[in-house]
Amino acid sequence: MEAEYLVKLKERADAGKIPIKTYPRNTSLFRWQSSPQATGVYFNTPQKREEMGRYNDPAGKVGVCYVATDPITSMAESYCRQNRAFVEADELTHNQICELEAANDINTLDIGALMPNIGLKLDELTSSDYTKTQNICGFFAKNPQYGIHGMSYRSRHYDNGGYCVALLEQTDEPVKTIQMTAMNDYHYDAHQLEHWQYKTIDGEEILTELLRIKIL
């Protein structure tokens, strides 16, 4: 028997009443990578549930690329998810912040707004049990006719208004790489941090001042 929240999800989708968060074409998105690569776009398709992220396709058929709407959130999702208390200074010469750009409008499911519509609560979607979030992702991975290109949700590790976005693999890549910058060279000039008195904040300051991770 199918779970009640998935039955409700299908009913809402069929009625065209699912909450959508759209990232217009040319919107900047960000992704952290451990080392320089030819591209900042990577769709992962792990086959075992225990190896999957929160919003991977449980069938292991449709790849998912995890990005964020700002570089701080992308760093938090990487370093803090690993429970990093410190990083070696040399590591920051390899770690990269990838700036991406939406190739076309990206329509995502707004997970926060979806919850009351299908009878789920925040703690059910942010726990260490990824079953429900993976099943929601799997529903749209199997049903591209609904026009959902990914899931938008708040980070568990850093919430300053930004979103995490799990992009579903498509025939055409939804984002393209603009540039990749090593963490020790990175400067975030477009930040909107009210408590940061400077116009820019660099990669090391994001780690040490915002995420409270030491650099050795």
N, C-alpha and C. Protein backbone atom coordinates (compact mmCIF):
# COMPACT_ATOMS: atom_id res chain seq x y z
N MET A 1 0.85 -1.20 0.00
CA MET A 1 0.00 0.00 0.00
C MET A 1 0.88 1.24 0.00
N GLU A 2 0.57 2.19 -0.87
CA GLU A 2 1.39 3.39 -1.00
C GLU A 2 1.18 4.31 0.20
N ALA A 3 2.26 4.93 0.65
CA ALA A 3 2.20 5.84 1.80
C ALA A 3 1.23 6.98 1.53
N GLU A 4 0.53 7.42 2.58
CA GLU A 4 -0.50 8.45 2.44
C GLU A 4 0.08 9.75 1.89
N TYR A 5 1.29 10.11 2.32
CA TYR A 5 1.87 11.38 1.85
C TYR A 5 2.14 11.35 0.35
N LEU A 6 2.45 10.16 -0.20
CA LEU A 6 2.66 10.06 -1.64
C LEU A 6 1.35 10.10 -2.40
N VAL A 7 0.29 9.54 -1.81
CA VAL A 7 -1.04 9.63 -2.42
C VAL A 7 -1.47 11.09 -2.50
N LYS A 8 -1.27 11.82 -1.42
CA LYS A 8 -1.62 13.24 -1.40
C LYS A 8 -0.76 14.04 -2.36
N LEU A 9 0.51 13.67 -2.46
CA LEU A 9 1.41 14.36 -3.37
C LEU A 9 0.93 14.21 -4.81
N LYS A 10 0.54 13.01 -5.18
CA LYS A 10 0.05 12.78 -6.54
C LYS A 10 -1.24 13.55 -6.79
N GLU A 11 -2.12 13.58 -5.81
CA GLU A 11 -3.37 14.32 -5.96
C GLU A 11 -3.10 15.80 -6.21
N ARG A 12 -2.17 16.36 -5.43
CA ARG A 12 -1.82 17.78 -5.59
C ARG A 12 -1.18 18.04 -6.94
N ALA A 13 -0.28 17.12 -7.34
CA ALA A 13 0.41 17.28 -8.62
C ALA A 13 -0.58 17.20 -9.78
N ASP A 14 -1.49 16.23 -9.72
CA ASP A 14 -2.48 16.08 -10.78
C ASP A 14 -3.38 17.30 -10.89
N ALA A 15 -3.63 17.95 -9.75
CA ALA A 15 -4.50 19.13 -9.74
C ALA A 15 -3.72 20.42 -10.05
N GLY A 16 -2.41 20.30 -10.25
CA GLY A 16 -1.59 21.48 -10.52
C GLY A 16 -1.46 22.39 -9.32
N LYS A 17 -1.50 21.79 -8.12
CA LYS A 17 -1.47 22.59 -6.89
C LYS A 17 -0.26 22.29 -6.01
N ILE A 18 0.88 22.04 -6.63
CA ILE A 18 2.11 21.85 -5.87
C ILE A 18 2.88 23.17 -5.83
N PRO A 19 3.45 23.52 -4.67
CA PRO A 19 4.17 24.80 -4.56
C PRO A 19 5.49 24.75 -5.32
N ILE A 20 5.69 25.71 -6.18
CA ILE A 20 6.87 25.74 -7.06
C ILE A 20 7.73 26.96 -6.74
N LYS A 21 9.01 26.73 -6.64
CA LYS A 21 9.99 27.81 -6.51
C LYS A 21 10.82 27.82 -7.79
N THR A 22 10.79 28.93 -8.52
CA THR A 22 11.45 29.01 -9.82
C THR A 22 12.72 29.84 -9.74
N TYR A 23 13.78 29.31 -10.35
CA TYR A 23 15.03 30.05 -10.52
C TYR A 23 15.11 30.44 -11.99
N PRO A 24 14.94 31.73 -12.29
CA PRO A 24 14.92 32.15 -13.70
C PRO A 24 16.25 31.89 -14.41
N ARG A 25 16.18 31.82 -15.71
CA ARG A 25 17.37 31.67 -16.53
C ARG A 25 18.42 32.71 -16.13
N ASN A 26 19.67 32.28 -16.07
CA ASN A 26 20.84 33.10 -15.70
C ASN A 26 21.00 33.30 -14.19
N THR A 27 20.12 32.69 -13.38
CA THR A 27 20.30 32.75 -11.93
C THR A 27 21.60 32.05 -11.55
N SER A 28 22.36 32.64 -10.64
CA SER A 28 23.60 32.02 -10.15
C SER A 28 23.29 30.98 -9.08
N LEU A 29 23.91 29.83 -9.20
CA LEU A 29 23.82 28.77 -8.20
C LEU A 29 25.24 28.31 -7.91
N PHE A 30 25.43 27.61 -6.77
CA PHE A 30 26.78 27.30 -6.32
C PHE A 30 26.90 25.85 -5.89
N ARG A 31 28.10 25.32 -6.10
CA ARG A 31 28.37 23.94 -5.71
C ARG A 31 29.81 23.83 -5.21
N TRP A 32 30.02 23.07 -4.14
CA TRP A 32 31.35 22.83 -3.59
C TRP A 32 31.89 21.53 -4.18
N GLN A 33 33.18 21.53 -4.55
CA GLN A 33 33.84 20.32 -5.01
C GLN A 33 35.16 20.17 -4.27
N SER A 34 35.56 18.94 -4.06
CA SER A 34 36.77 18.69 -3.29
C SER A 34 38.04 18.99 -4.07
N SER A 35 37.95 19.01 -5.41
CA SER A 35 39.14 19.25 -6.23
C SER A 35 38.72 19.85 -7.57
N PRO A 36 39.66 20.45 -8.31
CA PRO A 36 39.33 21.02 -9.62
C PRO A 36 38.86 19.93 -10.59
N GLN A 37 37.82 20.25 -11.35
CA GLN A 37 37.29 19.33 -12.35
C GLN A 37 37.01 20.11 -13.63
N ALA A 38 36.72 19.39 -14.70
CA ALA A 38 36.43 20.04 -15.98
C ALA A 38 35.12 20.82 -15.93
N THR A 39 34.23 20.42 -15.02
CA THR A 39 32.93 21.08 -14.89
C THR A 39 32.49 21.07 -13.43
N GLY A 40 31.63 22.02 -13.09
CA GLY A 40 31.07 22.05 -11.75
C GLY A 40 29.73 21.36 -11.66
N VAL A 41 29.32 20.71 -12.75
CA VAL A 41 28.03 20.04 -12.80
C VAL A 41 28.25 18.53 -12.73
N TYR A 42 27.65 17.89 -11.74
CA TYR A 42 27.82 16.45 -11.56
C TYR A 42 26.53 15.84 -11.03
N PHE A 43 25.97 14.93 -11.81
CA PHE A 43 24.75 14.23 -11.42
C PHE A 43 25.11 12.84 -10.91
N ASN A 44 24.86 12.63 -9.63
CA ASN A 44 25.24 11.38 -8.99
C ASN A 44 24.06 10.40 -8.98
N THR A 45 24.34 9.13 -9.25
CA THR A 45 23.28 8.12 -9.25
C THR A 45 23.70 6.92 -8.40
N PRO A 46 23.83 7.09 -7.09
CA PRO A 46 24.16 5.95 -6.23
C PRO A 46 23.05 4.90 -6.31
N GLN A 47 23.43 3.63 -6.18
CA GLN A 47 22.48 2.54 -6.35
C GLN A 47 21.96 1.98 -5.03
N LYS A 48 22.65 2.25 -3.95
CA LYS A 48 22.24 1.75 -2.64
C LYS A 48 21.68 2.89 -1.80
N ARG A 49 20.57 2.65 -1.12
CA ARG A 49 19.93 3.70 -0.33
C ARG A 49 20.87 4.30 0.70
N GLU A 50 21.69 3.46 1.32
CA GLU A 50 22.59 3.96 2.36
C GLU A 50 23.68 4.87 1.81
N GLU A 51 23.87 4.89 0.51
CA GLU A 51 24.87 5.75 -0.12
C GLU A 51 24.25 7.00 -0.72
N MET A 52 22.93 7.11 -0.63
CA MET A 52 22.22 8.23 -1.25
C MET A 52 22.10 9.42 -0.31
N GLY A 53 21.99 10.59 -0.91
CA GLY A 53 21.74 11.80 -0.15
C GLY A 53 20.26 11.96 0.15
N ARG A 54 19.92 13.07 0.76
CA ARG A 54 18.55 13.29 1.22
C ARG A 54 17.54 13.28 0.06
N TYR A 55 17.93 13.79 -1.09
CA TYR A 55 17.00 13.88 -2.20
C TYR A 55 17.48 13.14 -3.45
N ASN A 56 18.12 12.00 -3.27
CA ASN A 56 18.45 11.17 -4.43
C ASN A 56 17.26 10.31 -4.83
N ASP A 57 17.26 9.91 -6.09
CA ASP A 57 16.22 9.03 -6.62
C ASP A 57 16.43 7.64 -6.06
N PRO A 58 15.49 7.10 -5.26
CA PRO A 58 15.68 5.79 -4.63
C PRO A 58 15.79 4.65 -5.63
N ALA A 59 15.30 4.88 -6.87
CA ALA A 59 15.41 3.84 -7.89
C ALA A 59 16.81 3.82 -8.51
N GLY A 60 17.60 4.85 -8.23
CA GLY A 60 18.95 4.92 -8.77
C GLY A 60 19.01 5.12 -10.27
N LYS A 61 17.95 5.67 -10.86
CA LYS A 61 17.89 5.85 -12.31
C LYS A 61 18.18 7.28 -12.76
N VAL A 62 17.64 8.25 -12.03
CA VAL A 62 17.80 9.65 -12.40
C VAL A 62 18.84 10.30 -11.50
N GLY A 63 19.88 10.86 -12.10
CA GLY A 63 20.93 11.49 -11.33
C GLY A 63 20.47 12.79 -10.67
N VAL A 64 21.14 13.14 -9.58
CA VAL A 64 20.83 14.37 -8.85
C VAL A 64 22.11 15.17 -8.64
N CYS A 65 22.03 16.46 -8.90
CA CYS A 65 23.15 17.38 -8.67
C CYS A 65 22.75 18.33 -7.56
N TYR A 66 23.48 18.30 -6.45
CA TYR A 66 23.18 19.17 -5.31
C TYR A 66 23.89 20.51 -5.47
N VAL A 67 23.12 21.59 -5.44
CA VAL A 67 23.68 22.94 -5.52
C VAL A 67 23.02 23.78 -4.43
N ALA A 68 23.40 25.05 -4.36
CA ALA A 68 22.81 25.96 -3.38
C ALA A 68 22.66 27.34 -4.01
N THR A 69 21.82 28.16 -3.40
CA THR A 69 21.58 29.49 -3.95
C THR A 69 22.64 30.50 -3.54
N ASP A 70 23.53 30.11 -2.64
CA ASP A 70 24.64 30.99 -2.27
C ASP A 70 25.84 30.11 -1.88
N PRO A 71 27.05 30.64 -1.98
CA PRO A 71 28.23 29.82 -1.72
C PRO A 71 28.38 29.41 -0.26
N ILE A 72 27.88 30.21 0.68
CA ILE A 72 28.01 29.87 2.09
C ILE A 72 27.21 28.60 2.39
N THR A 73 26.00 28.53 1.86
CA THR A 73 25.18 27.33 2.06
C THR A 73 25.84 26.12 1.42
N SER A 74 26.44 26.29 0.25
CA SER A 74 27.10 25.16 -0.41
C SER A 74 28.28 24.66 0.42
N MET A 75 29.01 25.57 1.05
CA MET A 75 30.13 25.17 1.90
C MET A 75 29.62 24.45 3.15
N ALA A 76 28.57 24.99 3.76
CA ALA A 76 28.02 24.39 4.97
C ALA A 76 27.53 22.98 4.71
N GLU A 77 26.89 22.78 3.57
CA GLU A 77 26.37 21.46 3.24
C GLU A 77 27.50 20.45 3.02
N SER A 78 28.68 20.93 2.73
CA SER A 78 29.81 20.03 2.51
C SER A 78 30.62 19.83 3.78
N TYR A 79 31.15 20.91 4.34
CA TYR A 79 32.02 20.80 5.51
C TYR A 79 31.24 20.39 6.77
N CYS A 80 30.10 21.04 7.01
CA CYS A 80 29.35 20.75 8.24
C CYS A 80 28.65 19.40 8.18
N ARG A 81 28.23 19.00 7.00
CA ARG A 81 27.61 17.68 6.88
C ARG A 81 28.60 16.57 7.23
N GLN A 82 29.88 16.85 7.01
CA GLN A 82 30.93 15.90 7.37
C GLN A 82 31.39 16.07 8.82
N ASN A 83 30.74 17.00 9.55
CA ASN A 83 31.10 17.28 10.94
C ASN A 83 32.57 17.67 11.07
N ARG A 84 33.02 18.50 10.15
CA ARG A 84 34.41 18.93 10.18
C ARG A 84 34.63 19.96 11.28
N ALA A 85 35.54 19.70 12.20
CA ALA A 85 35.91 20.67 13.22
C ALA A 85 37.06 21.54 12.75
N PHE A 86 37.85 21.02 11.81
CA PHE A 86 38.98 21.77 11.25
C PHE A 86 39.29 21.25 9.86
N VAL A 87 40.01 22.06 9.09
CA VAL A 87 40.54 21.64 7.80
C VAL A 87 42.00 22.06 7.73
N GLU A 88 42.79 21.31 7.02
CA GLU A 88 44.18 21.66 6.79
C GLU A 88 44.24 22.80 5.78
N ALA A 89 45.16 23.74 5.99
CA ALA A 89 45.28 24.88 5.09
C ALA A 89 45.53 24.44 3.65
N ASP A 90 46.31 23.37 3.47
CA ASP A 90 46.61 22.89 2.12
C ASP A 90 45.36 22.40 1.40
N GLU A 91 44.39 21.92 2.18
CA GLU A 91 43.16 21.42 1.58
C GLU A 91 42.41 22.51 0.83
N LEU A 92 42.54 23.73 1.30
CA LEU A 92 41.80 24.84 0.69
C LEU A 92 42.36 25.24 -0.66
N THR A 93 43.54 24.76 -1.00
CA THR A 93 44.07 25.02 -2.35
C THR A 93 43.45 24.08 -3.37
N HIS A 94 42.85 22.99 -2.90
CA HIS A 94 42.20 22.02 -3.79
C HIS A 94 40.69 22.17 -3.81
N ASN A 95 40.09 22.42 -2.64
CA ASN A 95 38.64 22.57 -2.58
C ASN A 95 38.18 23.75 -3.44
N GLN A 96 37.09 23.54 -4.17
CA GLN A 96 36.63 24.54 -5.12
C GLN A 96 35.20 24.99 -4.84
N ILE A 97 34.96 26.28 -5.08
CA ILE A 97 33.60 26.79 -5.14
C ILE A 97 33.27 27.00 -6.61
N CYS A 98 32.24 26.30 -7.08
CA CYS A 98 31.84 26.38 -8.47
C CYS A 98 30.64 27.31 -8.60
N GLU A 99 30.79 28.33 -9.43
CA GLU A 99 29.66 29.19 -9.73
C GLU A 99 29.00 28.68 -10.99
N LEU A 100 27.70 28.39 -10.88
CA LEU A 100 26.93 27.87 -11.99
C LEU A 100 25.87 28.89 -12.40
N GLU A 101 25.26 28.65 -13.54
CA GLU A 101 24.22 29.55 -14.02
C GLU A 101 23.10 28.73 -14.63
N ALA A 102 21.87 29.08 -14.31
CA ALA A 102 20.72 28.38 -14.86
C ALA A 102 20.66 28.58 -16.36
N ALA A 103 20.65 27.48 -17.11
CA ALA A 103 20.62 27.56 -18.57
C ALA A 103 19.23 27.96 -19.06
N ASN A 104 18.21 27.60 -18.30
CA ASN A 104 16.81 27.97 -18.57
C ASN A 104 16.11 28.12 -17.22
N ASP A 105 14.86 28.52 -17.23
CA ASP A 105 14.11 28.58 -15.97
C ASP A 105 14.09 27.20 -15.33
N ILE A 106 14.36 27.16 -14.03
CA ILE A 106 14.37 25.90 -13.28
C ILE A 106 13.20 25.92 -12.29
N ASN A 107 12.25 25.03 -12.49
CA ASN A 107 11.09 24.94 -11.61
C ASN A 107 11.32 23.83 -10.58
N THR A 108 11.34 24.20 -9.32
CA THR A 108 11.61 23.22 -8.26
C THR A 108 10.42 23.13 -7.31
N LEU A 109 10.33 21.98 -6.68
CA LEU A 109 9.32 21.78 -5.65
C LEU A 109 9.78 22.49 -4.38
N ASP A 110 8.96 23.38 -3.84
CA ASP A 110 9.27 24.08 -2.60
C ASP A 110 8.88 23.17 -1.43
N ILE A 111 9.87 22.48 -0.89
CA ILE A 111 9.60 21.48 0.15
C ILE A 111 8.96 22.09 1.39
N GLY A 112 9.43 23.26 1.80
CA GLY A 112 8.87 23.91 2.99
C GLY A 112 7.39 24.21 2.86
N ALA A 113 7.00 24.67 1.66
CA ALA A 113 5.59 25.00 1.43
C ALA A 113 4.76 23.75 1.17
N LEU A 114 5.43 22.66 0.76
CA LEU A 114 4.71 21.42 0.46
C LEU A 114 4.22 20.71 1.72
N MET A 115 4.97 20.80 2.80
CA MET A 115 4.73 19.96 3.97
C MET A 115 3.27 19.91 4.43
N PRO A 116 2.61 21.05 4.69
CA PRO A 116 1.23 20.96 5.19
C PRO A 116 0.26 20.40 4.15
N ASN A 117 0.63 20.45 2.88
CA ASN A 117 -0.25 19.95 1.82
C ASN A 117 -0.30 18.43 1.77
N ILE A 118 0.74 17.76 2.28
CA ILE A 118 0.75 16.30 2.21
C ILE A 118 0.88 15.66 3.60
N GLY A 119 0.72 16.49 4.64
CA GLY A 119 0.65 15.96 6.00
C GLY A 119 1.99 15.57 6.61
N LEU A 120 3.07 16.22 6.20
CA LEU A 120 4.37 15.95 6.79
C LEU A 120 4.84 17.14 7.60
N LYS A 121 5.73 16.87 8.57
CA LYS A 121 6.29 17.92 9.41
C LYS A 121 7.79 18.04 9.17
N LEU A 122 8.33 19.17 9.61
CA LEU A 122 9.74 19.46 9.34
C LEU A 122 10.67 18.38 9.86
N ASP A 123 10.43 17.88 11.07
CA ASP A 123 11.34 16.90 11.63
C ASP A 123 11.33 15.59 10.84
N GLU A 124 10.25 15.32 10.12
CA GLU A 124 10.20 14.12 9.29
C GLU A 124 11.06 14.25 8.04
N LEU A 125 11.30 15.49 7.61
CA LEU A 125 12.06 15.72 6.38
C LEU A 125 13.50 16.14 6.64
N THR A 126 13.86 16.34 7.91
CA THR A 126 15.23 16.74 8.22
C THR A 126 15.94 15.73 9.11
N SER A 127 15.30 14.60 9.37
CA SER A 127 15.90 13.59 10.23
C SER A 127 16.98 12.82 9.48
N SER A 128 17.62 11.90 10.17
CA SER A 128 18.65 11.06 9.55
C SER A 128 18.04 9.96 8.69
N ASP A 129 16.73 9.81 8.73
CA ASP A 129 16.04 8.85 7.88
C ASP A 129 15.60 9.58 6.61
N TYR A 130 16.22 9.24 5.49
CA TYR A 130 15.97 9.93 4.23
C TYR A 130 14.84 9.31 3.41
N THR A 131 14.15 8.34 3.95
CA THR A 131 13.17 7.59 3.16
C THR A 131 12.11 8.48 2.52
N LYS A 132 11.50 9.37 3.30
CA LYS A 132 10.40 10.18 2.78
C LYS A 132 10.87 11.20 1.75
N THR A 133 12.00 11.84 2.02
CA THR A 133 12.50 12.82 1.05
C THR A 133 12.94 12.13 -0.24
N GLN A 134 13.56 10.97 -0.13
CA GLN A 134 13.96 10.23 -1.33
C GLN A 134 12.73 9.78 -2.12
N ASN A 135 11.68 9.39 -1.43
CA ASN A 135 10.46 8.96 -2.12
C ASN A 135 9.79 10.13 -2.85
N ILE A 136 9.84 11.32 -2.25
CA ILE A 136 9.30 12.51 -2.91
C ILE A 136 10.10 12.79 -4.18
N CYS A 137 11.43 12.72 -4.06
CA CYS A 137 12.28 12.92 -5.22
C CYS A 137 11.99 11.86 -6.28
N GLY A 138 11.87 10.61 -5.84
CA GLY A 138 11.60 9.52 -6.76
C GLY A 138 10.30 9.69 -7.53
N PHE A 139 9.29 10.27 -6.87
CA PHE A 139 8.01 10.51 -7.53
C PHE A 139 8.19 11.41 -8.75
N PHE A 140 8.93 12.49 -8.58
CA PHE A 140 9.11 13.43 -9.70
C PHE A 140 10.15 12.92 -10.70
N ALA A 141 11.09 12.11 -10.23
CA ALA A 141 12.04 11.50 -11.16
C ALA A 141 11.31 10.57 -12.13
N LYS A 142 10.29 9.87 -11.62
CA LYS A 142 9.52 8.94 -12.45
C LYS A 142 8.44 9.65 -13.27
N ASN A 143 8.11 10.87 -12.88
CA ASN A 143 6.99 11.58 -13.52
C ASN A 143 7.40 12.97 -14.01
N PRO A 144 8.24 13.02 -15.04
CA PRO A 144 8.71 14.32 -15.54
C PRO A 144 7.60 15.18 -16.14
N GLN A 145 6.44 14.59 -16.39
CA GLN A 145 5.34 15.34 -16.99
C GLN A 145 4.85 16.48 -16.10
N TYR A 146 5.18 16.43 -14.82
CA TYR A 146 4.76 17.51 -13.92
C TYR A 146 5.66 18.74 -14.03
N GLY A 147 6.75 18.63 -14.76
CA GLY A 147 7.60 19.79 -15.00
C GLY A 147 8.43 20.24 -13.82
N ILE A 148 8.71 19.34 -12.89
CA ILE A 148 9.53 19.67 -11.73
C ILE A 148 10.99 19.27 -12.02
N HIS A 149 11.88 20.24 -11.94
CA HIS A 149 13.28 20.01 -12.27
C HIS A 149 14.16 19.74 -11.05
N GLY A 150 13.57 19.78 -9.86
CA GLY A 150 14.36 19.55 -8.66
C GLY A 150 13.58 19.91 -7.41
N MET A 151 14.27 19.83 -6.25
CA MET A 151 13.67 20.12 -4.96
C MET A 151 14.42 21.28 -4.29
N SER A 152 13.73 22.24 -3.74
CA SER A 152 14.34 23.33 -2.97
C SER A 152 14.01 23.14 -1.49
N TYR A 153 15.01 23.24 -0.65
CA TYR A 153 14.81 23.02 0.78
C TYR A 153 15.87 23.79 1.57
N ARG A 154 15.60 24.03 2.84
CA ARG A 154 16.53 24.76 3.69
C ARG A 154 17.64 23.84 4.19
N SER A 155 18.81 24.41 4.36
CA SER A 155 19.94 23.65 4.88
C SER A 155 19.74 23.36 6.37
N ARG A 156 20.16 22.17 6.81
CA ARG A 156 20.15 21.83 8.23
C ARG A 156 21.35 22.44 8.94
N HIS A 157 22.34 22.88 8.18
CA HIS A 157 23.62 23.27 8.76
C HIS A 157 23.85 24.78 8.79
N TYR A 158 23.18 25.51 7.90
CA TYR A 158 23.35 26.97 7.87
C TYR A 158 22.11 27.56 7.20
N ASP A 159 21.36 28.37 7.93
CA ASP A 159 20.14 28.94 7.38
C ASP A 159 20.17 30.46 7.52
N ASN A 160 20.55 31.11 6.44
CA ASN A 160 20.56 32.57 6.43
C ASN A 160 19.70 33.08 5.27
N GLY A 161 18.69 32.29 4.92
CA GLY A 161 17.78 32.68 3.85
C GLY A 161 18.02 31.96 2.54
N GLY A 162 19.16 31.25 2.41
CA GLY A 162 19.44 30.55 1.18
C GLY A 162 18.77 29.19 1.12
N TYR A 163 18.83 28.59 -0.05
CA TYR A 163 18.23 27.28 -0.27
C TYR A 163 19.26 26.28 -0.80
N CYS A 164 19.05 25.03 -0.45
CA CYS A 164 19.71 23.92 -1.13
C CYS A 164 18.78 23.51 -2.27
N VAL A 165 19.38 23.06 -3.37
CA VAL A 165 18.58 22.64 -4.51
C VAL A 165 19.13 21.31 -5.02
N ALA A 166 18.26 20.31 -5.07
CA ALA A 166 18.62 19.01 -5.64
C ALA A 166 18.06 18.96 -7.06
N LEU A 167 18.93 19.13 -8.04
CA LEU A 167 18.51 19.18 -9.44
C LEU A 167 18.42 17.77 -10.02
N LEU A 168 17.34 17.50 -10.73
CA LEU A 168 17.16 16.21 -11.39
C LEU A 168 17.82 16.24 -12.77
N GLU A 169 18.45 15.14 -13.12
CA GLU A 169 19.12 15.05 -14.42
C GLU A 169 18.08 15.08 -15.54
N GLN A 170 18.40 15.85 -16.57
CA GLN A 170 17.51 16.01 -17.71
C GLN A 170 18.28 15.76 -19.00
N THR A 171 17.56 15.76 -20.12
CA THR A 171 18.22 15.60 -21.42
C THR A 171 19.22 16.73 -21.64
N ASP A 172 18.81 17.95 -21.33
CA ASP A 172 19.70 19.12 -21.39
C ASP A 172 20.06 19.52 -19.97
N GLU A 173 21.34 19.79 -19.75
CA GLU A 173 21.77 20.18 -18.41
C GLU A 173 21.08 21.47 -17.99
N PRO A 174 20.51 21.50 -16.79
CA PRO A 174 19.79 22.69 -16.34
C PRO A 174 20.70 23.85 -15.97
N VAL A 175 21.97 23.55 -15.67
CA VAL A 175 22.93 24.59 -15.30
C VAL A 175 24.22 24.42 -16.08
N LYS A 176 24.96 25.51 -16.19
CA LYS A 176 26.27 25.46 -16.84
C LYS A 176 27.31 26.10 -15.93
N THR A 177 28.55 25.69 -16.09
CA THR A 177 29.63 26.19 -15.24
C THR A 177 30.10 27.55 -15.72
N ILE A 178 30.18 28.49 -14.80
CA ILE A 178 30.70 29.82 -15.12
C ILE A 178 32.17 29.93 -14.71
N GLN A 179 32.45 29.52 -13.47
CA GLN A 179 33.84 29.53 -13.02
C GLN A 179 34.00 28.66 -11.78
N MET A 180 35.26 28.23 -11.56
CA MET A 180 35.61 27.48 -10.35
C MET A 180 36.78 28.17 -9.70
N THR A 181 36.70 28.35 -8.38
CA THR A 181 37.72 29.07 -7.65
C THR A 181 38.13 28.28 -6.42
N ALA A 182 39.43 28.16 -6.20
CA ALA A 182 39.92 27.47 -5.00
C ALA A 182 39.46 28.23 -3.76
N MET A 183 39.16 27.50 -2.70
CA MET A 183 38.65 28.11 -1.47
C MET A 183 39.56 29.20 -0.94
N ASN A 184 40.87 29.00 -1.03
CA ASN A 184 41.78 30.01 -0.46
C ASN A 184 41.86 31.27 -1.32
N ASP A 185 41.28 31.24 -2.52
CA ASP A 185 41.25 32.42 -3.39
C ASP A 185 39.85 33.01 -3.52
N TYR A 186 38.89 32.38 -2.88
CA TYR A 186 37.50 32.77 -3.12
C TYR A 186 37.09 34.00 -2.32
N HIS A 187 36.38 34.90 -2.97
CA HIS A 187 35.78 36.08 -2.33
C HIS A 187 34.32 36.18 -2.73
N TYR A 188 33.46 36.33 -1.75
CA TYR A 188 32.03 36.45 -1.99
C TYR A 188 31.65 37.91 -1.84
N ASP A 189 31.49 38.59 -2.98
CA ASP A 189 31.24 40.02 -2.98
C ASP A 189 29.75 40.37 -2.95
N ALA A 190 28.89 39.39 -3.25
CA ALA A 190 27.46 39.67 -3.35
C ALA A 190 26.70 39.25 -2.08
N HIS A 191 27.43 39.08 -1.00
CA HIS A 191 26.76 38.60 0.22
C HIS A 191 25.81 39.65 0.77
N GLN A 192 24.83 39.18 1.55
CA GLN A 192 23.86 40.07 2.19
C GLN A 192 23.85 39.82 3.70
N LEU A 193 25.02 39.63 4.25
CA LEU A 193 25.16 39.36 5.68
C LEU A 193 25.10 40.66 6.45
N GLU A 194 24.04 40.87 7.20
CA GLU A 194 23.87 42.13 7.93
C GLU A 194 24.89 42.29 9.04
N HIS A 195 25.40 41.18 9.56
CA HIS A 195 26.33 41.26 10.68
C HIS A 195 27.79 41.31 10.23
N TRP A 196 28.04 41.28 8.92
CA TRP A 196 29.42 41.32 8.42
C TRP A 196 29.67 42.73 7.90
N GLN A 197 30.63 43.44 8.49
CA GLN A 197 30.79 44.86 8.21
C GLN A 197 31.51 45.17 6.92
N TYR A 198 32.08 44.15 6.27
CA TYR A 198 32.85 44.39 5.05
C TYR A 198 32.04 44.03 3.80
N LYS A 199 32.44 44.59 2.67
CA LYS A 199 31.72 44.36 1.43
C LYS A 199 31.96 42.97 0.87
N THR A 200 33.06 42.36 1.26
CA THR A 200 33.36 41.02 0.78
C THR A 200 33.72 40.12 1.95
N ILE A 201 33.54 38.82 1.75
CA ILE A 201 33.96 37.85 2.75
C ILE A 201 34.64 36.73 1.98
N ASP A 202 35.81 36.29 2.45
CA ASP A 202 36.54 35.29 1.68
C ASP A 202 36.27 33.88 2.20
N GLY A 203 36.80 32.91 1.48
CA GLY A 203 36.53 31.51 1.80
C GLY A 203 36.97 31.13 3.20
N GLU A 204 38.12 31.59 3.61
CA GLU A 204 38.62 31.25 4.94
C GLU A 204 37.76 31.89 6.02
N GLU A 205 37.31 33.12 5.79
CA GLU A 205 36.45 33.79 6.78
C GLU A 205 35.09 33.11 6.89
N ILE A 206 34.58 32.61 5.78
CA ILE A 206 33.31 31.88 5.83
C ILE A 206 33.46 30.66 6.72
N LEU A 207 34.57 29.95 6.56
CA LEU A 207 34.80 28.75 7.38
C LEU A 207 34.99 29.10 8.85
N THR A 208 35.86 30.06 9.14
CA THR A 208 36.23 30.33 10.53
C THR A 208 35.21 31.19 11.26
N GLU A 209 34.66 32.22 10.59
CA GLU A 209 33.78 33.17 11.27
C GLU A 209 32.32 32.77 11.24
N LEU A 210 31.88 32.12 10.17
CA LEU A 210 30.47 31.78 10.05
C LEU A 210 30.19 30.32 10.43
N LEU A 211 31.02 29.41 9.94
CA LEU A 211 30.79 27.98 10.17
C LEU A 211 31.57 27.44 11.36
N ARG A 212 32.41 28.28 11.92
CA ARG A 212 33.18 27.93 13.14
C ARG A 212 34.05 26.67 12.93
N ILE A 213 34.71 26.63 11.80
CA ILE A 213 35.63 25.53 11.48
C ILE A 213 37.05 26.08 11.48
N LYS A 214 37.92 25.47 12.21
CA LYS A 214 39.29 25.95 12.32
C LYS A 214 40.11 25.54 11.10
N ILE A 215 41.08 26.38 10.77
CA ILE A 215 42.03 26.08 9.70
C ILE A 215 43.40 25.85 10.34
N LEU A 216 43.97 24.71 10.10
CA LEU A 216 45.26 24.37 10.70
C LEU A 216 46.40 24.54 9.71
